[in-house]
């Protein structure tokens, strides 16, 4: 079972170290990509892929299963996804809104699932949409860190 740090300890961690996370590049049967409209910092107010942090003492597979359940409503094994590589996300802000940056080392995983947008969790995103890759690459509403998953793959 994963444990959350108290808010002040977590602020110190975010201000002092990189965080490790998994991002989920989810494609439907029409080869569109799932993006959610972020309600939390960082990347608040942008369309972004689902994902989240890996917790201390959590295996990759346990983190993947937890994140797919929390973010997509379906627990999925990491073996059902394709690892597309490591990425780095650097933000000038952080979850608390105080004055320090956030640094993520992100493991990108791609998977194919047809999901009903109306059934997706609303904790991190308040709206979801299936995007064509060309459309998301050309949109100023899609965060540059999300675009990075596709600009290298589809040049």
N, C-alpha and C. Protein backbone atom coordinates (compact mmCIF):
# COMPACT_ATOMS: atom_id res chain seq x y z
N UNK A 1 0.84 -1.19 0.00
CA UNK A 1 0.00 0.00 0.00
C UNK A 1 0.88 1.25 0.00
N UNK A 2 0.50 2.22 -0.80
CA UNK A 2 1.29 3.45 -0.90
C UNK A 2 0.82 4.45 0.15
N UNK A 3 1.76 5.23 0.61
CA UNK A 3 1.45 6.26 1.61
C UNK A 3 1.74 7.62 1.03
N UNK A 4 0.88 8.56 1.37
CA UNK A 4 1.09 9.94 0.94
C UNK A 4 1.85 10.70 2.03
N UNK A 5 2.75 11.58 1.60
CA UNK A 5 3.47 12.44 2.54
C UNK A 5 2.56 13.58 2.99
N UNK A 6 2.83 14.11 4.18
CA UNK A 6 2.09 15.31 4.58
C UNK A 6 2.51 16.46 3.66
N UNK A 7 1.68 17.46 3.55
CA UNK A 7 1.83 18.53 2.55
C UNK A 7 3.17 19.27 2.67
N UNK A 8 3.61 19.57 3.88
CA UNK A 8 4.87 20.31 4.04
C UNK A 8 6.07 19.46 3.64
N UNK A 9 6.07 18.19 3.97
CA UNK A 9 7.16 17.30 3.56
C UNK A 9 7.18 17.16 2.05
N UNK A 10 5.99 17.02 1.46
CA UNK A 10 5.92 16.88 0.00
C UNK A 10 6.40 18.15 -0.69
N UNK A 11 6.08 19.32 -0.16
CA UNK A 11 6.60 20.57 -0.73
C UNK A 11 8.13 20.55 -0.75
N UNK A 12 8.74 20.10 0.35
CA UNK A 12 10.20 20.03 0.43
C UNK A 12 10.75 19.07 -0.61
N UNK A 13 10.11 17.94 -0.78
CA UNK A 13 10.55 16.96 -1.77
C UNK A 13 10.48 17.56 -3.17
N UNK A 14 9.35 18.15 -3.53
CA UNK A 14 9.17 18.71 -4.88
C UNK A 14 10.16 19.85 -5.12
N UNK A 15 10.40 20.66 -4.12
CA UNK A 15 11.33 21.79 -4.26
C UNK A 15 12.78 21.33 -4.36
N UNK A 16 13.07 20.10 -3.89
CA UNK A 16 14.46 19.66 -3.77
C UNK A 16 14.91 18.56 -4.72
N UNK A 17 13.96 17.78 -5.25
CA UNK A 17 14.35 16.60 -6.02
C UNK A 17 13.44 16.41 -7.24
N UNK A 18 13.90 15.63 -8.22
CA UNK A 18 13.00 15.23 -9.29
C UNK A 18 11.99 14.19 -8.78
N UNK A 19 10.82 14.17 -9.37
CA UNK A 19 9.82 13.16 -9.10
C UNK A 19 9.83 12.17 -10.26
N UNK A 20 9.50 10.92 -9.99
CA UNK A 20 9.42 9.91 -11.04
C UNK A 20 7.95 9.60 -11.27
N UNK A 21 7.55 9.60 -12.54
CA UNK A 21 6.14 9.37 -12.84
C UNK A 21 5.98 8.50 -14.09
N UNK A 22 4.75 8.09 -14.31
CA UNK A 22 4.36 7.35 -15.50
C UNK A 22 3.29 8.15 -16.21
N UNK A 23 3.46 8.38 -17.51
CA UNK A 23 2.42 8.99 -18.32
C UNK A 23 1.83 7.93 -19.22
N UNK A 24 0.53 8.03 -19.43
CA UNK A 24 -0.23 7.04 -20.18
C UNK A 24 -0.65 7.64 -21.52
N UNK A 25 -0.07 7.15 -22.59
CA UNK A 25 -0.46 7.58 -23.92
C UNK A 25 -1.49 6.54 -24.38
N UNK A 26 -2.76 6.92 -24.27
CA UNK A 26 -3.87 6.00 -24.51
C UNK A 26 -4.44 6.27 -25.89
N UNK A 27 -4.52 5.21 -26.68
CA UNK A 27 -5.09 5.31 -28.03
C UNK A 27 -6.35 4.45 -28.11
N UNK A 28 -7.33 4.95 -28.86
CA UNK A 28 -8.54 4.18 -29.09
C UNK A 28 -8.43 3.42 -30.42
N UNK A 29 -9.47 2.70 -30.80
CA UNK A 29 -9.42 1.90 -32.03
C UNK A 29 -9.35 2.76 -33.29
N UNK A 30 -9.66 4.05 -33.17
CA UNK A 30 -9.52 4.99 -34.31
C UNK A 30 -8.15 5.65 -34.32
N UNK A 31 -7.24 5.19 -33.45
CA UNK A 31 -5.88 5.71 -33.31
C UNK A 31 -5.84 7.16 -32.82
N UNK A 32 -6.89 7.58 -32.12
CA UNK A 32 -6.91 8.89 -31.48
C UNK A 32 -6.32 8.76 -30.09
N UNK A 33 -5.85 9.88 -29.56
CA UNK A 33 -5.17 9.91 -28.27
C UNK A 33 -6.07 10.58 -27.24
N UNK A 34 -6.12 9.97 -26.05
CA UNK A 34 -6.92 10.52 -24.95
C UNK A 34 -6.15 11.63 -24.24
N UNK A 35 -6.77 12.81 -24.14
CA UNK A 35 -6.22 13.90 -23.34
C UNK A 35 -7.29 14.39 -22.39
N UNK A 36 -6.83 14.83 -21.22
CA UNK A 36 -7.73 15.43 -20.24
C UNK A 36 -7.34 16.88 -20.01
N UNK A 37 -8.33 17.69 -19.67
CA UNK A 37 -8.08 19.11 -19.38
C UNK A 37 -7.70 19.23 -17.91
N UNK A 38 -6.44 19.62 -17.65
CA UNK A 38 -5.87 19.60 -16.30
C UNK A 38 -6.51 20.64 -15.38
N UNK A 39 -6.89 20.18 -14.19
CA UNK A 39 -7.45 21.08 -13.19
C UNK A 39 -6.44 21.45 -12.11
N UNK A 40 -5.32 20.73 -12.05
CA UNK A 40 -4.31 20.95 -11.00
C UNK A 40 -2.98 21.39 -11.59
N UNK A 41 -2.18 22.08 -10.77
CA UNK A 41 -0.82 22.43 -11.14
C UNK A 41 0.05 21.20 -11.02
N UNK A 42 1.17 21.13 -11.72
CA UNK A 42 1.51 21.98 -12.85
C UNK A 42 0.72 21.57 -14.10
N UNK A 43 0.83 22.33 -15.13
CA UNK A 43 0.13 22.12 -16.41
C UNK A 43 -1.37 22.38 -16.30
N UNK A 44 -1.77 23.09 -15.27
CA UNK A 44 -3.18 23.46 -15.10
C UNK A 44 -3.64 24.30 -16.29
N UNK A 45 -4.85 23.98 -16.78
CA UNK A 45 -5.41 24.75 -17.87
C UNK A 45 -4.96 24.30 -19.26
N UNK A 46 -4.30 23.16 -19.33
CA UNK A 46 -3.87 22.59 -20.61
C UNK A 46 -4.45 21.18 -20.76
N UNK A 47 -4.53 20.72 -22.01
CA UNK A 47 -4.85 19.33 -22.31
C UNK A 47 -3.58 18.52 -22.14
N UNK A 48 -3.71 17.38 -21.47
CA UNK A 48 -2.54 16.60 -21.08
C UNK A 48 -2.90 15.12 -21.05
N UNK A 49 -1.92 14.26 -21.25
CA UNK A 49 -2.15 12.82 -21.12
C UNK A 49 -2.36 12.47 -19.65
N UNK A 50 -3.09 11.39 -19.35
CA UNK A 50 -3.22 10.94 -17.96
C UNK A 50 -1.89 10.40 -17.45
N UNK A 51 -1.75 10.35 -16.14
CA UNK A 51 -0.54 9.79 -15.54
C UNK A 51 -0.42 10.21 -14.09
N UNK A 52 0.72 9.88 -13.50
CA UNK A 52 0.94 10.26 -12.11
C UNK A 52 2.26 9.72 -11.58
N UNK A 53 2.53 10.09 -10.34
CA UNK A 53 3.79 9.75 -9.69
C UNK A 53 3.86 8.28 -9.28
N UNK A 54 5.10 7.77 -9.26
CA UNK A 54 5.39 6.48 -8.67
C UNK A 54 5.71 6.75 -7.21
N UNK A 55 5.13 5.97 -6.32
CA UNK A 55 5.36 6.15 -4.88
C UNK A 55 6.55 5.33 -4.41
N UNK A 56 7.11 5.73 -3.28
CA UNK A 56 8.24 5.00 -2.69
C UNK A 56 7.81 3.56 -2.40
N UNK A 57 8.72 2.65 -2.70
CA UNK A 57 8.52 1.21 -2.49
C UNK A 57 7.43 0.61 -3.37
N UNK A 58 7.03 1.32 -4.41
CA UNK A 58 6.01 0.81 -5.33
C UNK A 58 6.71 0.30 -6.60
N UNK A 59 6.41 -0.92 -7.00
CA UNK A 59 7.00 -1.45 -8.23
C UNK A 59 6.40 -0.73 -9.42
N UNK A 60 7.07 -0.83 -10.57
CA UNK A 60 6.53 -0.23 -11.80
C UNK A 60 5.14 -0.79 -12.09
N UNK A 61 4.99 -2.11 -11.98
CA UNK A 61 3.70 -2.71 -12.30
C UNK A 61 2.62 -2.27 -11.31
N UNK A 62 2.95 -2.22 -10.03
CA UNK A 62 1.96 -1.75 -9.04
C UNK A 62 1.57 -0.30 -9.32
N UNK A 63 2.55 0.53 -9.63
CA UNK A 63 2.26 1.94 -9.95
C UNK A 63 1.40 2.03 -11.20
N UNK A 64 1.73 1.24 -12.21
CA UNK A 64 0.98 1.26 -13.46
C UNK A 64 -0.47 0.84 -13.21
N UNK A 65 -0.67 -0.22 -12.46
CA UNK A 65 -2.03 -0.68 -12.15
C UNK A 65 -2.80 0.38 -11.36
N UNK A 66 -2.15 0.98 -10.37
CA UNK A 66 -2.81 2.01 -9.57
C UNK A 66 -3.18 3.21 -10.43
N UNK A 67 -2.24 3.66 -11.26
CA UNK A 67 -2.48 4.85 -12.08
C UNK A 67 -3.53 4.60 -13.16
N UNK A 68 -3.51 3.44 -13.78
CA UNK A 68 -4.55 3.18 -14.79
C UNK A 68 -5.92 3.10 -14.13
N UNK A 69 -5.98 2.58 -12.92
CA UNK A 69 -7.26 2.54 -12.22
C UNK A 69 -7.72 3.95 -11.84
N UNK A 70 -6.83 4.73 -11.25
CA UNK A 70 -7.18 6.09 -10.81
C UNK A 70 -7.48 7.01 -11.99
N UNK A 71 -6.66 6.93 -13.04
CA UNK A 71 -6.76 7.86 -14.17
C UNK A 71 -7.76 7.42 -15.24
N UNK A 72 -7.92 6.09 -15.41
CA UNK A 72 -8.75 5.58 -16.50
C UNK A 72 -9.96 4.78 -16.02
N UNK A 73 -9.95 4.43 -14.74
CA UNK A 73 -11.06 3.63 -14.21
C UNK A 73 -10.92 2.15 -14.48
N UNK A 74 -9.81 1.71 -15.06
CA UNK A 74 -9.55 0.31 -15.38
C UNK A 74 -8.14 -0.06 -14.95
N UNK A 75 -8.00 -1.05 -14.07
CA UNK A 75 -6.68 -1.52 -13.66
C UNK A 75 -6.09 -2.33 -14.81
N UNK A 76 -4.91 -1.92 -15.25
CA UNK A 76 -4.25 -2.56 -16.39
C UNK A 76 -2.83 -2.94 -16.00
N UNK A 77 -2.39 -4.09 -16.46
CA UNK A 77 -1.04 -4.57 -16.19
C UNK A 77 -0.05 -3.88 -17.13
N UNK A 78 1.12 -3.57 -16.64
CA UNK A 78 2.14 -2.88 -17.43
C UNK A 78 2.55 -3.67 -18.67
N UNK A 79 2.41 -4.98 -18.62
CA UNK A 79 2.74 -5.83 -19.76
C UNK A 79 1.83 -5.62 -20.95
N UNK A 80 0.70 -4.97 -20.76
CA UNK A 80 -0.23 -4.68 -21.85
C UNK A 80 0.11 -3.36 -22.55
N UNK A 81 1.15 -2.69 -22.09
CA UNK A 81 1.53 -1.39 -22.65
C UNK A 81 2.91 -1.49 -23.30
N UNK A 82 3.18 -0.53 -24.17
CA UNK A 82 4.48 -0.43 -24.82
C UNK A 82 5.24 0.74 -24.22
N UNK A 83 6.45 0.47 -23.72
CA UNK A 83 7.30 1.52 -23.19
C UNK A 83 7.84 2.34 -24.35
N UNK A 84 7.57 3.65 -24.35
CA UNK A 84 8.05 4.48 -25.46
C UNK A 84 9.25 5.34 -25.08
N UNK A 85 9.64 5.30 -23.80
CA UNK A 85 10.87 5.97 -23.43
C UNK A 85 10.76 6.90 -22.24
N UNK A 86 11.93 7.39 -21.79
CA UNK A 86 11.97 8.36 -20.70
C UNK A 86 11.86 9.79 -21.24
N UNK A 87 11.24 10.64 -20.47
CA UNK A 87 11.06 12.05 -20.83
C UNK A 87 11.33 12.87 -19.57
N UNK A 88 11.58 14.16 -19.77
CA UNK A 88 11.68 15.05 -18.61
C UNK A 88 10.69 16.18 -18.78
N UNK A 89 10.03 16.50 -17.70
CA UNK A 89 9.07 17.61 -17.67
C UNK A 89 9.55 18.61 -16.64
N UNK A 90 9.80 19.82 -17.09
CA UNK A 90 10.25 20.91 -16.21
C UNK A 90 9.18 21.98 -16.20
N UNK A 91 8.73 22.35 -15.02
CA UNK A 91 7.69 23.35 -14.84
C UNK A 91 8.20 24.45 -13.93
N UNK A 92 7.79 25.67 -14.18
CA UNK A 92 8.16 26.79 -13.32
C UNK A 92 7.32 26.84 -12.05
N UNK A 93 6.17 26.16 -12.05
CA UNK A 93 5.30 26.16 -10.87
C UNK A 93 5.23 24.77 -10.26
N UNK A 94 4.35 24.60 -9.29
CA UNK A 94 4.22 23.33 -8.59
C UNK A 94 2.80 23.18 -8.07
N UNK A 95 2.51 22.02 -7.50
CA UNK A 95 1.16 21.71 -7.04
C UNK A 95 0.61 22.71 -6.02
N UNK A 96 1.48 23.32 -5.23
CA UNK A 96 1.03 24.18 -4.13
C UNK A 96 0.83 25.64 -4.54
N UNK A 97 1.37 26.01 -5.70
CA UNK A 97 1.23 27.40 -6.15
C UNK A 97 2.25 28.34 -5.53
N UNK A 98 3.14 27.83 -4.68
CA UNK A 98 4.20 28.68 -4.12
C UNK A 98 5.36 28.74 -5.11
N UNK A 99 6.41 29.47 -4.76
CA UNK A 99 7.43 29.83 -5.75
C UNK A 99 8.60 28.84 -5.81
N UNK A 100 8.36 27.67 -6.34
CA UNK A 100 9.44 26.76 -6.70
C UNK A 100 8.98 25.91 -7.88
N UNK A 101 9.96 25.36 -8.57
CA UNK A 101 9.67 24.62 -9.79
C UNK A 101 9.38 23.15 -9.50
N UNK A 102 8.93 22.44 -10.53
CA UNK A 102 8.70 21.00 -10.45
C UNK A 102 9.48 20.32 -11.57
N UNK A 103 10.14 19.22 -11.24
CA UNK A 103 10.92 18.45 -12.21
C UNK A 103 10.46 17.01 -12.14
N UNK A 104 9.99 16.49 -13.27
CA UNK A 104 9.58 15.09 -13.37
C UNK A 104 10.50 14.34 -14.31
N UNK A 105 10.87 13.14 -13.94
CA UNK A 105 11.44 12.15 -14.84
C UNK A 105 10.27 11.22 -15.14
N UNK A 106 9.86 11.19 -16.42
CA UNK A 106 8.62 10.52 -16.80
C UNK A 106 8.91 9.30 -17.66
N UNK A 107 8.26 8.21 -17.33
CA UNK A 107 8.31 6.99 -18.14
C UNK A 107 7.03 6.95 -18.96
N UNK A 108 7.18 7.05 -20.27
CA UNK A 108 6.02 7.06 -21.15
C UNK A 108 5.63 5.66 -21.59
N UNK A 109 4.36 5.33 -21.41
CA UNK A 109 3.82 4.03 -21.82
C UNK A 109 2.60 4.25 -22.69
N UNK A 110 2.56 3.52 -23.81
CA UNK A 110 1.44 3.63 -24.73
C UNK A 110 0.58 2.37 -24.63
N UNK A 111 -0.74 2.55 -24.61
CA UNK A 111 -1.65 1.42 -24.59
C UNK A 111 -2.89 1.73 -25.40
N UNK A 112 -3.55 0.68 -25.84
CA UNK A 112 -4.76 0.82 -26.64
C UNK A 112 -5.96 0.34 -25.84
N UNK A 113 -6.89 1.26 -25.61
CA UNK A 113 -8.12 0.96 -24.88
C UNK A 113 -9.21 1.88 -25.42
N UNK A 114 -10.37 1.31 -25.66
CA UNK A 114 -11.53 2.13 -26.00
C UNK A 114 -12.27 2.44 -24.70
N UNK A 115 -12.28 3.69 -24.32
CA UNK A 115 -12.90 4.13 -23.07
C UNK A 115 -14.06 5.06 -23.36
N UNK A 116 -15.07 5.04 -22.49
CA UNK A 116 -16.17 6.00 -22.58
C UNK A 116 -15.76 7.25 -21.81
N UNK A 117 -15.69 8.38 -22.47
CA UNK A 117 -15.23 9.61 -21.85
C UNK A 117 -16.09 9.98 -20.63
N UNK A 118 -17.35 9.72 -20.69
CA UNK A 118 -18.27 10.08 -19.60
C UNK A 118 -18.03 9.27 -18.33
N UNK A 119 -17.28 8.18 -18.43
CA UNK A 119 -17.03 7.32 -17.26
C UNK A 119 -15.64 7.53 -16.66
N UNK A 120 -14.87 8.46 -17.19
CA UNK A 120 -13.51 8.67 -16.69
C UNK A 120 -13.51 9.50 -15.40
N UNK A 121 -12.56 9.23 -14.50
CA UNK A 121 -12.47 9.97 -13.24
C UNK A 121 -12.23 11.47 -13.46
N UNK A 122 -12.68 12.28 -12.54
CA UNK A 122 -12.61 13.74 -12.67
C UNK A 122 -11.62 14.39 -11.69
N UNK A 123 -10.77 13.61 -11.03
CA UNK A 123 -9.87 14.17 -10.02
C UNK A 123 -8.81 15.12 -10.59
N UNK A 124 -8.14 14.71 -11.65
CA UNK A 124 -7.05 15.51 -12.23
C UNK A 124 -7.48 16.29 -13.47
N UNK A 125 -8.53 15.81 -14.12
CA UNK A 125 -9.01 16.41 -15.37
C UNK A 125 -10.52 16.60 -15.25
N UNK A 126 -11.04 17.74 -15.71
CA UNK A 126 -12.49 17.95 -15.62
C UNK A 126 -13.18 17.77 -16.96
N UNK A 127 -12.41 17.41 -17.98
CA UNK A 127 -12.97 17.18 -19.30
C UNK A 127 -12.00 16.26 -20.05
N UNK A 128 -12.52 15.43 -20.92
CA UNK A 128 -11.70 14.54 -21.73
C UNK A 128 -12.10 14.65 -23.18
N UNK A 129 -11.12 14.34 -24.04
CA UNK A 129 -11.39 14.39 -25.47
C UNK A 129 -10.43 13.44 -26.17
N UNK A 130 -10.91 12.78 -27.23
CA UNK A 130 -10.05 12.01 -28.12
C UNK A 130 -9.52 12.95 -29.19
N UNK A 131 -8.20 12.98 -29.39
CA UNK A 131 -7.55 13.88 -30.33
C UNK A 131 -6.83 13.09 -31.42
N UNK A 132 -6.89 13.59 -32.65
CA UNK A 132 -6.00 13.11 -33.69
C UNK A 132 -4.62 13.70 -33.41
N UNK A 133 -3.56 12.94 -33.70
CA UNK A 133 -2.20 13.40 -33.40
C UNK A 133 -1.90 14.74 -34.06
N UNK A 134 -2.22 14.88 -35.31
CA UNK A 134 -1.95 16.14 -36.02
C UNK A 134 -2.67 17.31 -35.34
N UNK A 135 -3.90 17.09 -34.90
CA UNK A 135 -4.68 18.13 -34.23
C UNK A 135 -4.01 18.55 -32.91
N UNK A 136 -3.58 17.59 -32.12
CA UNK A 136 -2.98 17.95 -30.83
C UNK A 136 -1.64 18.63 -31.01
N UNK A 137 -0.87 18.22 -32.02
CA UNK A 137 0.42 18.87 -32.28
C UNK A 137 0.26 20.32 -32.71
N UNK A 138 -0.86 20.64 -33.33
CA UNK A 138 -1.10 22.00 -33.82
C UNK A 138 -1.91 22.88 -32.87
N UNK A 139 -2.30 22.34 -31.73
CA UNK A 139 -3.13 23.10 -30.80
C UNK A 139 -2.29 23.80 -29.74
N UNK A 140 -2.58 25.08 -29.49
CA UNK A 140 -1.89 25.79 -28.41
C UNK A 140 -2.52 25.50 -27.06
N UNK A 141 -3.58 24.69 -27.04
CA UNK A 141 -4.23 24.28 -25.78
C UNK A 141 -3.65 22.99 -25.23
N UNK A 142 -2.84 22.29 -26.03
CA UNK A 142 -2.19 21.05 -25.59
C UNK A 142 -0.80 21.40 -25.09
N UNK A 143 -0.47 20.93 -23.89
CA UNK A 143 0.81 21.26 -23.27
C UNK A 143 1.98 20.70 -24.08
N UNK A 144 3.08 21.45 -24.11
CA UNK A 144 4.27 21.05 -24.88
C UNK A 144 4.82 19.69 -24.42
N UNK A 145 4.69 19.38 -23.13
CA UNK A 145 5.18 18.08 -22.64
C UNK A 145 4.35 16.93 -23.18
N UNK A 146 3.08 17.15 -23.43
CA UNK A 146 2.25 16.13 -24.08
C UNK A 146 2.64 16.02 -25.55
N UNK A 147 2.86 17.14 -26.21
CA UNK A 147 3.24 17.11 -27.62
C UNK A 147 4.55 16.35 -27.84
N UNK A 148 5.43 16.36 -26.86
CA UNK A 148 6.73 15.70 -26.98
C UNK A 148 6.59 14.20 -27.25
N UNK A 149 5.51 13.60 -26.76
CA UNK A 149 5.31 12.17 -26.99
C UNK A 149 5.05 11.86 -28.46
N UNK A 150 4.61 12.84 -29.21
CA UNK A 150 4.19 12.61 -30.59
C UNK A 150 5.09 13.29 -31.60
N UNK A 151 5.74 14.36 -31.25
CA UNK A 151 6.58 15.07 -32.21
C UNK A 151 7.78 14.23 -32.62
N UNK A 152 8.34 13.47 -31.70
CA UNK A 152 9.46 12.59 -32.02
C UNK A 152 9.04 11.31 -32.71
N UNK A 153 7.85 10.82 -32.38
CA UNK A 153 7.37 9.56 -32.94
C UNK A 153 6.86 9.70 -34.36
N UNK A 154 6.33 10.88 -34.69
CA UNK A 154 5.61 11.01 -35.94
C UNK A 154 6.14 12.11 -36.84
N UNK A 155 7.42 12.39 -36.77
CA UNK A 155 8.02 13.41 -37.65
C UNK A 155 8.21 12.87 -39.03
